[in-house]
Amino acid sequence: MTPRATAPDLLVSTEGGAMTSKGRAALALGWGTLVTAAVAGVPLALRDRLPDPLATHWSGAGTPDGHLSFTASLWAGLALWGVAWVVLTALALWGPALDTRLGRASWSGFLFGWAVLAVGVQVSTVAANLDVADWRQAGLPPWQVAVVVFAALAAGVLAGALGRGGPDPRRDPDALPAVRLRPGRRSVWVSRASNGWLVGLSLVALAGALVCAGLAVIGLLSGPGLVALAGLSLAALLGLATCSTRVRVDENGLRVGLGPFGGLARRTPIDRIESAWVETRSPAEVGGWGIRGLPGTGRVTFMLRGGECLVIRRVTGGEFAVSVDDASHGAALLNAYVAEAAH
């Protein structure tokens, strides 16, 4: 079974996002400068009305339980925003993640949502400490924290929706990988991928859970130890259940199973698949490891490890991608069954 093509390099359209990488970098620099000025300018302008040290952490009831000097608090606020600003500016200039609609939406949402969060945290901290004689008197009502978080989420969602750009370009059918099926013969393709780091961490968590369980059996484990046992057991269970994928392509469509035995599965029938191809993706492009997606973009990725991914486009317009080895043969067979079903 030899694919006609292994990489769909030819695109039907190029309507991704109108803004260039330099334009996004200029936006990040300009917006970031304004945010930095607000984060630094608010406490500096009101320094004479603030105690030193300042209350910088509060309990759930709004009672201050942590403090920093004025200078340390100022630098902490700048770091909260500055690190994200530098990363986002670098992505605008050199990040391939912004070539996709999901990447553009995530970048825009984070740029504006995180800015609102950073400014909100700084303003709330200053307001709580304003005109108090000692940091222990600086109360922060919980509702103010909720307002800051909600405002940041709302700004991020709105900015992501406005900045996502047009749909990702569609692939030229002639450039998609494909094979010829012999009349009356059915072919099956099966492959898998795993994350070695996740396997190792899951086994460490499992070993820790077994040790805690042994201590509990002989009566040497108290309340906090039992909490640790529950946490380690859950981490081991979730890690082992998602540390590998088993992908199967046959005449029925695509099946993606999770875990060593592929028990938890996502199925896409062949009549709901428009086309399939191979892409090289990294966790940075899709937002990290695990199941990644953003409402409104129609793109979902199961990112187990960076590298080769099998990508399908559904007839409804959405896309689903999964990390898997030898993805080109799986995509070729899927396209063959899609063509056969169309006739």
C-alpha atoms as a PDB file:
ATOM      1  CA  MET A   1       0.000   0.000   0.000  1.00  0.00           C
ATOM      2  CA  THR A   2       1.873   3.072  -1.250  1.00  0.00           C
ATOM      3  CA  PRO A   3       0.368   6.553  -0.884  1.00  0.00           C
ATOM      4  CA  ARG A   4       0.173   8.741  -3.951  1.00  0.00           C
ATOM      5  CA  ALA A   5       1.328  11.689  -1.852  1.00  0.00           C
ATOM      6  CA  THR A   6       2.492  11.954   1.715  1.00  0.00           C
ATOM      7  CA  ALA A   7       2.173  15.675   2.397  1.00  0.00           C
ATOM      8  CA  PRO A   8      -0.687  17.918   1.250  1.00  0.00           C
ATOM      9  CA  ASP A   9       1.375  20.978   0.434  1.00  0.00           C
ATOM     10  CA  LEU A  10      -1.030  22.432  -2.134  1.00  0.00           C
ATOM     11  CA  LEU A  11      -3.857  24.551  -0.716  1.00  0.00           C
ATOM     12  CA  VAL A  12      -7.044  25.638  -2.450  1.00  0.00           C
ATOM     13  CA  SER A  13      -7.231  29.018  -0.685  1.00  0.00           C
ATOM     14  CA  THR A  14      -5.064  31.118   1.570  1.00  0.00           C
ATOM     15  CA  GLU A  15      -7.642  33.086   3.561  1.00  0.00           C
ATOM     16  CA  GLY A  16      -6.181  32.487   7.014  1.00  0.00           C
ATOM     17  CA  GLY A  17      -5.677  35.840   8.715  1.00  0.00           C
ATOM     18  CA  ALA A  18      -5.268  39.210   7.075  1.00  0.00           C
ATOM     19  CA  MET A  19      -2.755  40.438   9.642  1.00  0.00           C
ATOM     20  CA  THR A  20       0.880  39.553   8.971  1.00  0.00           C
ATOM     21  CA  SER A  21       3.375  38.394  11.566  1.00  0.00           C
ATOM     22  CA  LYS A  22       4.886  41.886  11.663  1.00  0.00           C
ATOM     23  CA  GLY A  23       1.442  43.363  12.155  1.00  0.00           C
ATOM     24  CA  ARG A  24       0.749  41.051  15.079  1.00  0.00           C
ATOM     25  CA  ALA A  25       4.152  41.828  16.566  1.00  0.00           C
ATOM     26  CA  ALA A  26       3.421  45.555  16.285  1.00  0.00           C
ATOM     27  CA  LEU A  27       0.047  44.994  17.946  1.00  0.00           C
ATOM     28  CA  ALA A  28       1.689  43.024  20.753  1.00  0.00           C
ATOM     29  CA  LEU A  29       4.370  45.664  21.253  1.00  0.00           C
ATOM     30  CA  GLY A  30       1.946  48.589  21.253  1.00  0.00           C
ATOM     31  CA  TRP A  31      -0.675  46.934  23.440  1.00  0.00           C
ATOM     32  CA  GLY A  32       1.955  45.472  25.732  1.00  0.00           C
ATOM     33  CA  THR A  33       3.537  48.876  26.272  1.00  0.00           C
ATOM     34  CA  LEU A  34       0.186  50.321  27.354  1.00  0.00           C
ATOM     35  CA  VAL A  35      -0.450  47.406  29.718  1.00  0.00           C
ATOM     36  CA  THR A  36       3.043  47.670  31.199  1.00  0.00           C
ATOM     37  CA  ALA A  37       2.524  51.390  31.756  1.00  0.00           C
ATOM     38  CA  ALA A  38      -0.747  50.678  33.579  1.00  0.00           C
ATOM     39  CA  VAL A  39       0.708  47.870  35.718  1.00  0.00           C
ATOM     40  CA  ALA A  40       3.662  50.020  36.778  1.00  0.00           C
ATOM     41  CA  GLY A  41       2.026  53.438  36.692  1.00  0.00           C
ATOM     42  CA  VAL A  42      -0.915  52.808  39.040  1.00  0.00           C
ATOM     43  CA  PRO A  43       1.136  51.823  42.120  1.00  0.00           C
ATOM     44  CA  LEU A  44       3.874  54.381  41.376  1.00  0.00           C
ATOM     45  CA  ALA A  45       1.348  57.204  41.081  1.00  0.00           C
ATOM     46  CA  LEU A  46      -0.227  56.278  44.431  1.00  0.00           C
ATOM     47  CA  ARG A  47       2.930  55.263  46.299  1.00  0.00           C
ATOM     48  CA  ASP A  48       2.547  57.991  48.946  1.00  0.00           C
ATOM     49  CA  ARG A  49      -0.862  56.582  49.903  1.00  0.00           C
ATOM     50  CA  LEU A  50       0.281  52.961  50.195  1.00  0.00           C
ATOM     51  CA  PRO A  51       1.857  51.157  53.138  1.00  0.00           C
ATOM     52  CA  ASP A  52       5.180  49.372  52.828  1.00  0.00           C
ATOM     53  CA  PRO A  53       4.972  46.388  52.846  1.00  0.00           C
ATOM     54  CA  LEU A  54       1.696  45.840  50.971  1.00  0.00           C
ATOM     55  CA  ALA A  55      -0.813  43.068  51.452  1.00  0.00           C
ATOM     56  CA  THR A  56      -0.505  40.828  48.383  1.00  0.00           C
ATOM     57  CA  HIS A  57      -2.441  37.696  49.334  1.00  0.00           C
ATOM     58  CA  TRP A  58      -5.830  37.198  50.946  1.00  0.00           C
ATOM     59  CA  SER A  59      -7.775  34.298  52.391  1.00  0.00           C
ATOM     60  CA  GLY A  60     -11.105  33.186  50.977  1.00  0.00           C
ATOM     61  CA  ALA A  61     -12.843  35.580  53.343  1.00  0.00           C
ATOM     62  CA  GLY A  62     -10.825  38.552  52.085  1.00  0.00           C
ATOM     63  CA  THR A  63      -8.506  38.754  55.091  1.00  0.00           C
ATOM     64  CA  PRO A  64      -4.855  39.572  54.240  1.00  0.00           C
ATOM     65  CA  ASP A  65      -2.466  36.699  55.013  1.00  0.00           C
ATOM     66  CA  GLY A  66       0.610  37.563  52.914  1.00  0.00           C
ATOM     67  CA  HIS A  67       2.667  40.633  52.084  1.00  0.00           C
ATOM     68  CA  LEU A  68       5.547  41.957  49.979  1.00  0.00           C
ATOM     69  CA  SER A  69       7.554  45.145  49.987  1.00  0.00           C
ATOM     70  CA  PHE A  70       6.419  47.870  47.596  1.00  0.00           C
ATOM     71  CA  THR A  71       9.322  47.166  45.246  1.00  0.00           C
ATOM     72  CA  ALA A  72       8.827  43.387  45.280  1.00  0.00           C
ATOM     73  CA  SER A  73       5.087  43.798  44.695  1.00  0.00           C
ATOM     74  CA  LEU A  74       5.747  46.101  41.752  1.00  0.00           C
ATOM     75  CA  TRP A  75       8.162  43.650  40.152  1.00  0.00           C
ATOM     76  CA  ALA A  76       5.780  40.745  40.776  1.00  0.00           C
ATOM     77  CA  GLY A  77       3.022  42.568  38.904  1.00  0.00           C
ATOM     78  CA  LEU A  78       5.367  43.374  36.030  1.00  0.00           C
ATOM     79  CA  ALA A  79       6.555  39.756  35.866  1.00  0.00           C
ATOM     80  CA  LEU A  80       2.960  38.465  35.790  1.00  0.00           C
ATOM     81  CA  TRP A  81       2.388  40.431  32.611  1.00  0.00           C
ATOM     82  CA  GLY A  82       5.926  40.708  31.204  1.00  0.00           C
ATOM     83  CA  VAL A  83       6.686  37.002  30.788  1.00  0.00           C
ATOM     84  CA  ALA A  84       3.469  36.410  28.845  1.00  0.00           C
ATOM     85  CA  TRP A  85       4.085  39.558  26.777  1.00  0.00           C
ATOM     86  CA  VAL A  86       7.544  38.417  25.691  1.00  0.00           C
ATOM     87  CA  VAL A  87       6.284  34.937  24.749  1.00  0.00           C
ATOM     88  CA  LEU A  88       3.322  36.299  22.785  1.00  0.00           C
ATOM     89  CA  THR A  89       5.517  38.780  20.909  1.00  0.00           C
ATOM     90  CA  ALA A  90       7.977  36.012  20.025  1.00  0.00           C
ATOM     91  CA  LEU A  91       5.120  33.817  18.771  1.00  0.00           C
ATOM     92  CA  ALA A  92       3.854  36.676  16.617  1.00  0.00           C
ATOM     93  CA  LEU A  93       7.247  36.936  14.924  1.00  0.00           C
ATOM     94  CA  TRP A  94       8.381  33.323  14.702  1.00  0.00           C
ATOM     95  CA  GLY A  95       5.565  31.036  15.844  1.00  0.00           C
ATOM     96  CA  PRO A  96       3.986  28.734  13.224  1.00  0.00           C
ATOM     97  CA  ALA A  97       0.992  28.389  15.551  1.00  0.00           C
ATOM     98  CA  LEU A  98      -0.510  31.598  14.145  1.00  0.00           C
ATOM     99  CA  ASP A  99      -0.861  29.994  10.706  1.00  0.00           C
ATOM    100  CA  THR A 100      -4.030  28.297  11.951  1.00  0.00           C
ATOM    101  CA  ARG A 101      -7.352  29.718  13.033  1.00  0.00           C
ATOM    102  CA  LEU A 102      -7.067  28.051  16.440  1.00  0.00           C
ATOM    103  CA  GLY A 103      -3.588  29.487  16.929  1.00  0.00           C
ATOM    104  CA  ARG A 104      -4.695  33.013  16.039  1.00  0.00           C
ATOM    105  CA  ALA A 105      -7.724  32.821  18.324  1.00  0.00           C
ATOM    106  CA  SER A 106      -5.626  31.513  21.221  1.00  0.00           C
ATOM    107  CA  TRP A 107      -2.961  34.178  20.691  1.00  0.00           C
ATOM    108  CA  SER A 108      -5.438  37.062  20.529  1.00  0.00           C
ATOM    109  CA  GLY A 109      -7.446  35.777  23.472  1.00  0.00           C
ATOM    110  CA  PHE A 110      -4.399  35.347  25.661  1.00  0.00           C
ATOM    111  CA  LEU A 111      -2.907  38.725  24.671  1.00  0.00           C
ATOM    112  CA  PHE A 112      -5.969  40.675  25.760  1.00  0.00           C
ATOM    113  CA  GLY A 113      -7.399  38.360  28.419  1.00  0.00           C
ATOM    114  CA  TRP A 114      -4.103  38.061  30.301  1.00  0.00           C
ATOM    115  CA  ALA A 115      -3.611  41.834  30.063  1.00  0.00           C
ATOM    116  CA  VAL A 116      -6.973  42.432  31.735  1.00  0.00           C
ATOM    117  CA  LEU A 117      -6.044  39.905  34.426  1.00  0.00           C
ATOM    118  CA  ALA A 118      -2.634  41.506  35.085  1.00  0.00           C
ATOM    119  CA  VAL A 119      -4.057  45.024  35.285  1.00  0.00           C
ATOM    120  CA  GLY A 120      -7.002  43.827  37.373  1.00  0.00           C
ATOM    121  CA  VAL A 121      -4.736  42.109  39.884  1.00  0.00           C
ATOM    122  CA  GLN A 122      -2.559  45.215  40.209  1.00  0.00           C
ATOM    123  CA  VAL A 123      -5.478  47.623  40.542  1.00  0.00           C
ATOM    124  CA  SER A 124      -7.229  45.370  43.089  1.00  0.00           C
ATOM    125  CA  THR A 125      -4.059  45.091  45.156  1.00  0.00           C
ATOM    126  CA  VAL A 126      -3.512  48.857  45.143  1.00  0.00           C
ATOM    127  CA  ALA A 127      -7.165  49.583  45.938  1.00  0.00           C
ATOM    128  CA  ALA A 128      -7.128  47.189  48.895  1.00  0.00           C
ATOM    129  CA  ASN A 129      -3.974  48.822  50.327  1.00  0.00           C
ATOM    130  CA  LEU A 130      -4.938  52.413  49.587  1.00  0.00           C
ATOM    131  CA  ASP A 131      -4.826  54.750  52.617  1.00  0.00           C
ATOM    132  CA  VAL A 132      -4.364  51.977  55.205  1.00  0.00           C
ATOM    133  CA  ALA A 133      -1.774  52.360  57.955  1.00  0.00           C
ATOM    134  CA  ASP A 134      -0.717  48.684  57.946  1.00  0.00           C
ATOM    135  CA  TRP A 135      -1.000  45.871  55.417  1.00  0.00           C
ATOM    136  CA  ARG A 136      -3.040  43.795  57.904  1.00  0.00           C
ATOM    137  CA  GLN A 137      -5.892  46.284  57.477  1.00  0.00           C
ATOM    138  CA  ALA A 138      -6.066  45.842  53.683  1.00  0.00           C
ATOM    139  CA  GLY A 139      -9.206  43.784  53.103  1.00  0.00           C
ATOM    140  CA  LEU A 140     -10.122  42.508  49.649  1.00  0.00           C
ATOM    141  CA  PRO A 141     -13.790  41.500  49.129  1.00  0.00           C
ATOM    142  CA  PRO A 142     -14.073  38.163  47.278  1.00  0.00           C
ATOM    143  CA  TRP A 143     -16.491  39.678  44.770  1.00  0.00           C
ATOM    144  CA  GLN A 144     -13.706  41.903  43.455  1.00  0.00           C
ATOM    145  CA  VAL A 145     -11.608  38.849  42.674  1.00  0.00           C
ATOM    146  CA  ALA A 146     -14.553  37.279  40.858  1.00  0.00           C
ATOM    147  CA  VAL A 147     -15.062  40.463  38.805  1.00  0.00           C
ATOM    148  CA  VAL A 148     -11.391  40.516  37.728  1.00  0.00           C
ATOM    149  CA  VAL A 149     -11.441  36.848  36.703  1.00  0.00           C
ATOM    150  CA  PHE A 150     -14.737  37.202  34.838  1.00  0.00           C
ATOM    151  CA  ALA A 151     -13.542  40.348  33.035  1.00  0.00           C
ATOM    152  CA  ALA A 152     -10.326  38.605  31.971  1.00  0.00           C
ATOM    153  CA  LEU A 153     -12.225  35.570  30.641  1.00  0.00           C
ATOM    154  CA  ALA A 154     -14.733  37.743  28.818  1.00  0.00           C
ATOM    155  CA  ALA A 155     -11.979  39.837  27.235  1.00  0.00           C
ATOM    156  CA  GLY A 156     -10.095  36.698  26.207  1.00  0.00           C
ATOM    157  CA  VAL A 157     -13.125  35.051  24.605  1.00  0.00           C
ATOM    158  CA  LEU A 158     -14.122  38.230  22.771  1.00  0.00           C
ATOM    159  CA  ALA A 159     -10.578  38.924  21.542  1.00  0.00           C
ATOM    160  CA  GLY A 160     -10.190  35.300  20.443  1.00  0.00           C
ATOM    161  CA  ALA A 161     -13.413  35.440  18.444  1.00  0.00           C
ATOM    162  CA  LEU A 162     -12.454  38.730  16.789  1.00  0.00           C
ATOM    163  CA  GLY A 163      -8.855  37.755  16.116  1.00  0.00           C
ATOM    164  CA  ARG A 164      -9.268  34.241  14.786  1.00  0.00           C
ATOM    165  CA  GLY A 165      -9.387  35.350  11.142  1.00  0.00           C
ATOM    166  CA  GLY A 166     -10.882  33.389   8.280  1.00  0.00           C
ATOM    167  CA  PRO A 167     -11.196  29.616   7.983  1.00  0.00           C
ATOM    168  CA  ASP A 168      -8.080  27.541   7.520  1.00  0.00           C
ATOM    169  CA  PRO A 169      -7.277  26.846   3.851  1.00  0.00           C
ATOM    170  CA  ARG A 170      -8.776  23.718   2.333  1.00  0.00           C
ATOM    171  CA  ARG A 171      -6.550  21.063   0.811  1.00  0.00           C
ATOM    172  CA  ASP A 172      -6.424  20.345  -2.894  1.00  0.00           C
ATOM    173  CA  PRO A 173      -7.992  16.874  -3.374  1.00  0.00           C
ATOM    174  CA  ASP A 174      -5.286  15.993  -5.901  1.00  0.00           C
ATOM    175  CA  ALA A 175      -2.598  16.599  -3.287  1.00  0.00           C
ATOM    176  CA  LEU A 176      -4.138  14.379  -0.602  1.00  0.00           C
ATOM    177  CA  PRO A 177      -2.525  11.004   0.111  1.00  0.00           C
ATOM    178  CA  ALA A 178      -4.476   8.119  -1.418  1.00  0.00           C
ATOM    179  CA  VAL A 179      -4.211   4.447  -2.398  1.00  0.00           C
ATOM    180  CA  ARG A 180      -6.149   2.237  -4.785  1.00  0.00           C
ATOM    181  CA  LEU A 181      -8.339  -0.424  -3.260  1.00  0.00           C
ATOM    182  CA  ARG A 182      -8.587  -3.735  -5.032  1.00  0.00           C
ATOM    183  CA  PRO A 183     -12.184  -4.714  -5.867  1.00  0.00           C
ATOM    184  CA  GLY A 184     -13.650  -6.890  -3.152  1.00  0.00           C
ATOM    185  CA  ARG A 185     -10.661  -6.476  -0.822  1.00  0.00           C
ATOM    186  CA  ARG A 186     -10.832  -4.708   2.527  1.00  0.00           C
ATOM    187  CA  SER A 187      -7.737  -3.150   4.075  1.00  0.00           C
ATOM    188  CA  VAL A 188      -7.132  -2.135   7.688  1.00  0.00           C
ATOM    189  CA  TRP A 189      -4.475   0.209   9.040  1.00  0.00           C
ATOM    190  CA  VAL A 190      -3.558   0.234  12.726  1.00  0.00           C
ATOM    191  CA  SER A 191      -0.938   2.378  14.422  1.00  0.00           C
ATOM    192  CA  ARG A 192      -0.220   3.898  17.795  1.00  0.00           C
ATOM    193  CA  ALA A 193       1.763   6.568  19.611  1.00  0.00           C
ATOM    194  CA  SER A 194       2.783   7.023  23.227  1.00  0.00           C
ATOM    195  CA  ASN A 195       4.258   9.680  25.482  1.00  0.00           C
ATOM    196  CA  GLY A 196       7.273   8.318  27.347  1.00  0.00           C
ATOM    197  CA  TRP A 197       7.293  11.132  29.886  1.00  0.00           C
ATOM    198  CA  LEU A 198       3.647  10.595  30.756  1.00  0.00           C
ATOM    199  CA  VAL A 199       4.212   6.849  31.066  1.00  0.00           C
ATOM    200  CA  GLY A 200       7.138   7.437  33.430  1.00  0.00           C
ATOM    201  CA  LEU A 201       5.292   9.974  35.583  1.00  0.00           C
ATOM    202  CA  SER A 202       2.259   7.698  35.749  1.00  0.00           C
ATOM    203  CA  LEU A 203       4.394   4.789  36.920  1.00  0.00           C
ATOM    204  CA  VAL A 204       6.027   6.998  39.556  1.00  0.00           C
ATOM    205  CA  ALA A 205       2.586   8.064  40.769  1.00  0.00           C
ATOM    206  CA  LEU A 206       1.478   4.429  40.803  1.00  0.00           C
ATOM    207  CA  ALA A 207       4.530   3.429  42.846  1.00  0.00           C
ATOM    208  CA  GLY A 208       3.827   6.235  45.295  1.00  0.00           C
ATOM    209  CA  ALA A 209       0.199   5.172  45.584  1.00  0.00           C
ATOM    210  CA  LEU A 210       1.241   1.569  46.295  1.00  0.00           C
ATOM    211  CA  VAL A 211       3.630   2.725  49.025  1.00  0.00           C
ATOM    212  CA  CYS A 212       0.908   4.878  50.598  1.00  0.00           C
ATOM    213  CA  ALA A 213      -1.555   1.992  50.368  1.00  0.00           C
ATOM    214  CA  GLY A 214       0.906  -0.290  52.141  1.00  0.00           C
ATOM    215  CA  LEU A 215       1.387   2.248  54.915  1.00  0.00           C
ATOM    216  CA  ALA A 216      -2.380   2.623  55.229  1.00  0.00           C
ATOM    217  CA  VAL A 217      -2.814  -1.140  55.614  1.00  0.00           C
ATOM    218  CA  ILE A 218      -0.416  -1.280  58.568  1.00  0.00           C
ATOM    219  CA  GLY A 219      -1.944   1.820  60.142  1.00  0.00           C
ATOM    220  CA  LEU A 220       0.903   4.269  59.577  1.00  0.00           C
ATOM    221  CA  LEU A 221      -0.998   6.666  57.311  1.00  0.00           C
ATOM    222  CA  SER A 222      -2.971   9.578  58.770  1.00  0.00           C
ATOM    223  CA  GLY A 223      -5.420  12.041  57.164  1.00  0.00           C
ATOM    224  CA  PRO A 224      -2.965  13.979  54.952  1.00  0.00           C
ATOM    225  CA  GLY A 225      -1.402  10.706  53.849  1.00  0.00           C
ATOM    226  CA  LEU A 226      -4.794   9.387  52.761  1.00  0.00           C
ATOM    227  CA  VAL A 227      -5.312  12.524  50.699  1.00  0.00           C
ATOM    228  CA  ALA A 228      -1.912  11.907  49.083  1.00  0.00           C
ATOM    229  CA  LEU A 229      -2.941   8.297  48.389  1.00  0.00           C
ATOM    230  CA  ALA A 230      -6.124   9.458  46.642  1.00  0.00           C
ATOM    231  CA  GLY A 231      -4.232  12.078  44.615  1.00  0.00           C
ATOM    232  CA  LEU A 232      -1.480   9.697  43.514  1.00  0.00           C
ATOM    233  CA  SER A 233      -4.006   7.008  42.613  1.00  0.00           C
ATOM    234  CA  LEU A 234      -6.018   9.443  40.500  1.00  0.00           C
ATOM    235  CA  ALA A 235      -2.876  10.764  38.775  1.00  0.00           C
ATOM    236  CA  ALA A 236      -1.698   7.236  37.996  1.00  0.00           C
ATOM    237  CA  LEU A 237      -5.115   6.208  36.670  1.00  0.00           C
ATOM    238  CA  LEU A 238      -5.545   9.238  34.443  1.00  0.00           C
ATOM    239  CA  GLY A 239      -1.945   9.129  33.227  1.00  0.00           C
ATOM    240  CA  LEU A 240      -2.008   5.464  32.282  1.00  0.00           C
ATOM    241  CA  ALA A 241      -5.421   5.873  30.641  1.00  0.00           C
ATOM    242  CA  THR A 242      -4.173   8.654  28.344  1.00  0.00           C
ATOM    243  CA  CYS A 243      -0.463   7.907  27.845  1.00  0.00           C
ATOM    244  CA  SER A 244      -0.967   6.210  24.486  1.00  0.00           C
ATOM    245  CA  THR A 245      -3.305   6.104  21.513  1.00  0.00           C
ATOM    246  CA  ARG A 246      -4.293   3.248  19.241  1.00  0.00           C
ATOM    247  CA  VAL A 247      -5.643   4.449  15.882  1.00  0.00           C
ATOM    248  CA  ARG A 248      -7.513   2.189  13.449  1.00  0.00           C
ATOM    249  CA  VAL A 249      -8.726   2.932   9.920  1.00  0.00           C
ATOM    250  CA  ASP A 250     -11.060   0.567   8.065  1.00  0.00           C
ATOM    251  CA  GLU A 251     -14.120   0.729   5.837  1.00  0.00           C
ATOM    252  CA  ASN A 252     -16.187   1.964   8.797  1.00  0.00           C
ATOM    253  CA  GLY A 253     -14.053   5.070   9.325  1.00  0.00           C
ATOM    254  CA  LEU A 254     -11.620   6.248  12.007  1.00  0.00           C
ATOM    255  CA  ARG A 255     -11.348   4.910  15.546  1.00  0.00           C
ATOM    256  CA  VAL A 256      -9.039   6.547  18.108  1.00  0.00           C
ATOM    257  CA  GLY A 257      -8.650   4.583  21.337  1.00  0.00           C
ATOM    258  CA  LEU A 258      -6.946   5.863  24.483  1.00  0.00           C
ATOM    259  CA  GLY A 259      -4.789   3.938  26.911  1.00  0.00           C
ATOM    260  CA  PRO A 260      -2.785   0.719  26.560  1.00  0.00           C
ATOM    261  CA  PHE A 261      -5.815  -1.259  25.381  1.00  0.00           C
ATOM    262  CA  GLY A 262      -7.633   1.505  23.494  1.00  0.00           C
ATOM    263  CA  GLY A 263     -10.805   1.021  25.507  1.00  0.00           C
ATOM    264  CA  LEU A 264     -11.934   4.655  25.591  1.00  0.00           C
ATOM    265  CA  ALA A 265     -12.534   5.409  21.929  1.00  0.00           C
ATOM    266  CA  ARG A 266     -13.668   8.216  19.640  1.00  0.00           C
ATOM    267  CA  ARG A 267     -15.219   7.040  16.375  1.00  0.00           C
ATOM    268  CA  THR A 268     -15.815   9.010  13.176  1.00  0.00           C
ATOM    269  CA  PRO A 269     -17.897   7.137  10.559  1.00  0.00           C
ATOM    270  CA  ILE A 270     -16.594   7.145   6.991  1.00  0.00           C
ATOM    271  CA  ASP A 271     -19.669   9.013   5.709  1.00  0.00           C
ATOM    272  CA  ARG A 272     -18.831  11.928   8.034  1.00  0.00           C
ATOM    273  CA  ILE A 273     -15.260  12.327   6.748  1.00  0.00           C
ATOM    274  CA  GLU A 274     -14.529  14.627   3.829  1.00  0.00           C
ATOM    275  CA  SER A 275     -10.764  14.078   3.555  1.00  0.00           C
ATOM    276  CA  ALA A 276      -7.635  13.139   5.496  1.00  0.00           C
ATOM    277  CA  TRP A 277      -4.004  14.251   5.402  1.00  0.00           C
ATOM    278  CA  VAL A 278      -0.824  14.446   7.476  1.00  0.00           C
ATOM    279  CA  GLU A 279       0.520  17.445   9.366  1.00  0.00           C
ATOM    280  CA  THR A 280       3.502  17.963  11.629  1.00  0.00           C
ATOM    281  CA  ARG A 281       2.263  19.731  14.743  1.00  0.00           C
ATOM    282  CA  SER A 282       3.823  20.704  18.049  1.00  0.00           C
ATOM    283  CA  PRO A 283       2.166  21.190  21.449  1.00  0.00           C
ATOM    284  CA  ALA A 284       2.882  24.929  21.165  1.00  0.00           C
ATOM    285  CA  GLU A 285       0.741  25.129  18.020  1.00  0.00           C
ATOM    286  CA  VAL A 286      -2.362  23.606  19.620  1.00  0.00           C
ATOM    287  CA  GLY A 287      -2.055  24.894  23.186  1.00  0.00           C
ATOM    288  CA  GLY A 288      -0.289  22.034  24.963  1.00  0.00           C
ATOM    289  CA  TRP A 289      -0.643  18.317  25.504  1.00  0.00           C
ATOM    290  CA  GLY A 290      -3.905  16.419  25.814  1.00  0.00           C
ATOM    291  CA  ILE A 291      -7.215  17.204  24.112  1.00  0.00           C
ATOM    292  CA  ARG A 292      -6.946  20.726  22.745  1.00  0.00           C
ATOM    293  CA  GLY A 293      -9.500  22.878  20.972  1.00  0.00           C
ATOM    294  CA  LEU A 294     -11.219  26.262  21.086  1.00  0.00           C
ATOM    295  CA  PRO A 295     -14.964  26.841  20.719  1.00  0.00           C
ATOM    296  CA  GLY A 296     -15.842  28.373  17.388  1.00  0.00           C
ATOM    297  CA  THR A 297     -12.767  27.169  15.510  1.00  0.00           C
ATOM    298  CA  GLY A 298     -13.983  23.662  14.708  1.00  0.00           C
ATOM    299  CA  ARG A 299     -10.501  22.225  15.361  1.00  0.00           C
ATOM    300  CA  VAL A 300      -9.799  19.530  17.956  1.00  0.00           C
ATOM    301  CA  THR A 301      -6.392  17.890  18.457  1.00  0.00           C
ATOM    302  CA  PHE A 302      -5.401  14.993  20.645  1.00  0.00           C
ATOM    303  CA  MET A 303      -1.760  15.950  21.206  1.00  0.00           C
ATOM    304  CA  LEU A 304       0.150  13.106  22.789  1.00  0.00           C
ATOM    305  CA  ARG A 305       3.550  14.018  21.392  1.00  0.00           C
ATOM    306  CA  GLY A 306       4.848  16.528  18.883  1.00  0.00           C
ATOM    307  CA  GLY A 307       5.409  15.390  15.319  1.00  0.00           C
ATOM    308  CA  GLU A 308       3.329  13.542  12.758  1.00  0.00           C
ATOM    309  CA  CYS A 309      -0.447  13.779  13.127  1.00  0.00           C
ATOM    310  CA  LEU A 310      -3.318  12.236  11.199  1.00  0.00           C
ATOM    311  CA  VAL A 311      -5.840  14.977  10.401  1.00  0.00           C
ATOM    312  CA  ILE A 312      -9.380  14.517   9.128  1.00  0.00           C
ATOM    313  CA  ARG A 313     -11.812  17.122   7.879  1.00  0.00           C
ATOM    314  CA  ARG A 314     -15.440  16.339   8.644  1.00  0.00           C
ATOM    315  CA  VAL A 315     -18.201  16.995   6.146  1.00  0.00           C
ATOM    316  CA  THR A 316     -19.570  19.577   8.593  1.00  0.00           C
ATOM    317  CA  GLY A 317     -16.339  21.583   8.239  1.00  0.00           C
ATOM    318  CA  GLY A 318     -14.547  20.812  11.505  1.00  0.00           C
ATOM    319  CA  GLU A 319     -11.161  19.128  11.851  1.00  0.00           C
ATOM    320  CA  PHE A 320      -9.829  16.455  14.181  1.00  0.00           C
ATOM    321  CA  ALA A 321      -6.152  15.539  14.535  1.00  0.00           C
ATOM    322  CA  VAL A 322      -4.365  12.856  16.539  1.00  0.00           C
ATOM    323  CA  SER A 323      -0.683  12.159  17.145  1.00  0.00           C
ATOM    324  CA  VAL A 324       0.164   8.815  15.586  1.00  0.00           C
ATOM    325  CA  ASP A 325       3.046   7.082  13.812  1.00  0.00           C
ATOM    326  CA  ASP A 326       2.911   6.316  10.064  1.00  0.00           C
ATOM    327  CA  ALA A 327       0.000   8.746   9.642  1.00  0.00           C
ATOM    328  CA  SER A 328       0.441   8.996   5.855  1.00  0.00           C
ATOM    329  CA  HIS A 329      -0.747   5.428   5.252  1.00  0.00           C
ATOM    330  CA  GLY A 330      -3.741   5.933   7.539  1.00  0.00           C
ATOM    331  CA  ALA A 331      -4.716   9.122   5.713  1.00  0.00           C
ATOM    332  CA  ALA A 332      -4.276   7.443   2.327  1.00  0.00           C
ATOM    333  CA  LEU A 333      -6.540   4.547   3.275  1.00  0.00           C
ATOM    334  CA  LEU A 334      -9.169   6.874   4.711  1.00  0.00           C
ATOM    335  CA  ASN A 335      -9.244   8.908   1.491  1.00  0.00           C
ATOM    336  CA  ALA A 336      -9.632   5.712  -0.508  1.00  0.00           C
ATOM    337  CA  TYR A 337     -12.643   4.612   1.548  1.00  0.00           C
ATOM    338  CA  VAL A 338     -14.119   8.143   1.370  1.00  0.00           C
ATOM    339  CA  ALA A 339     -13.822   8.084  -2.440  1.00  0.00           C
ATOM    340  CA  GLU A 340     -15.351   4.614  -2.564  1.00  0.00           C
ATOM    341  CA  ALA A 341     -18.280   5.668  -0.348  1.00  0.00           C
ATOM    342  CA  ALA A 342     -18.896   8.701  -2.562  1.00  0.00           C
ATOM    343  CA  HIS A 343     -19.477   6.413  -5.530  1.00  0.00           C
END
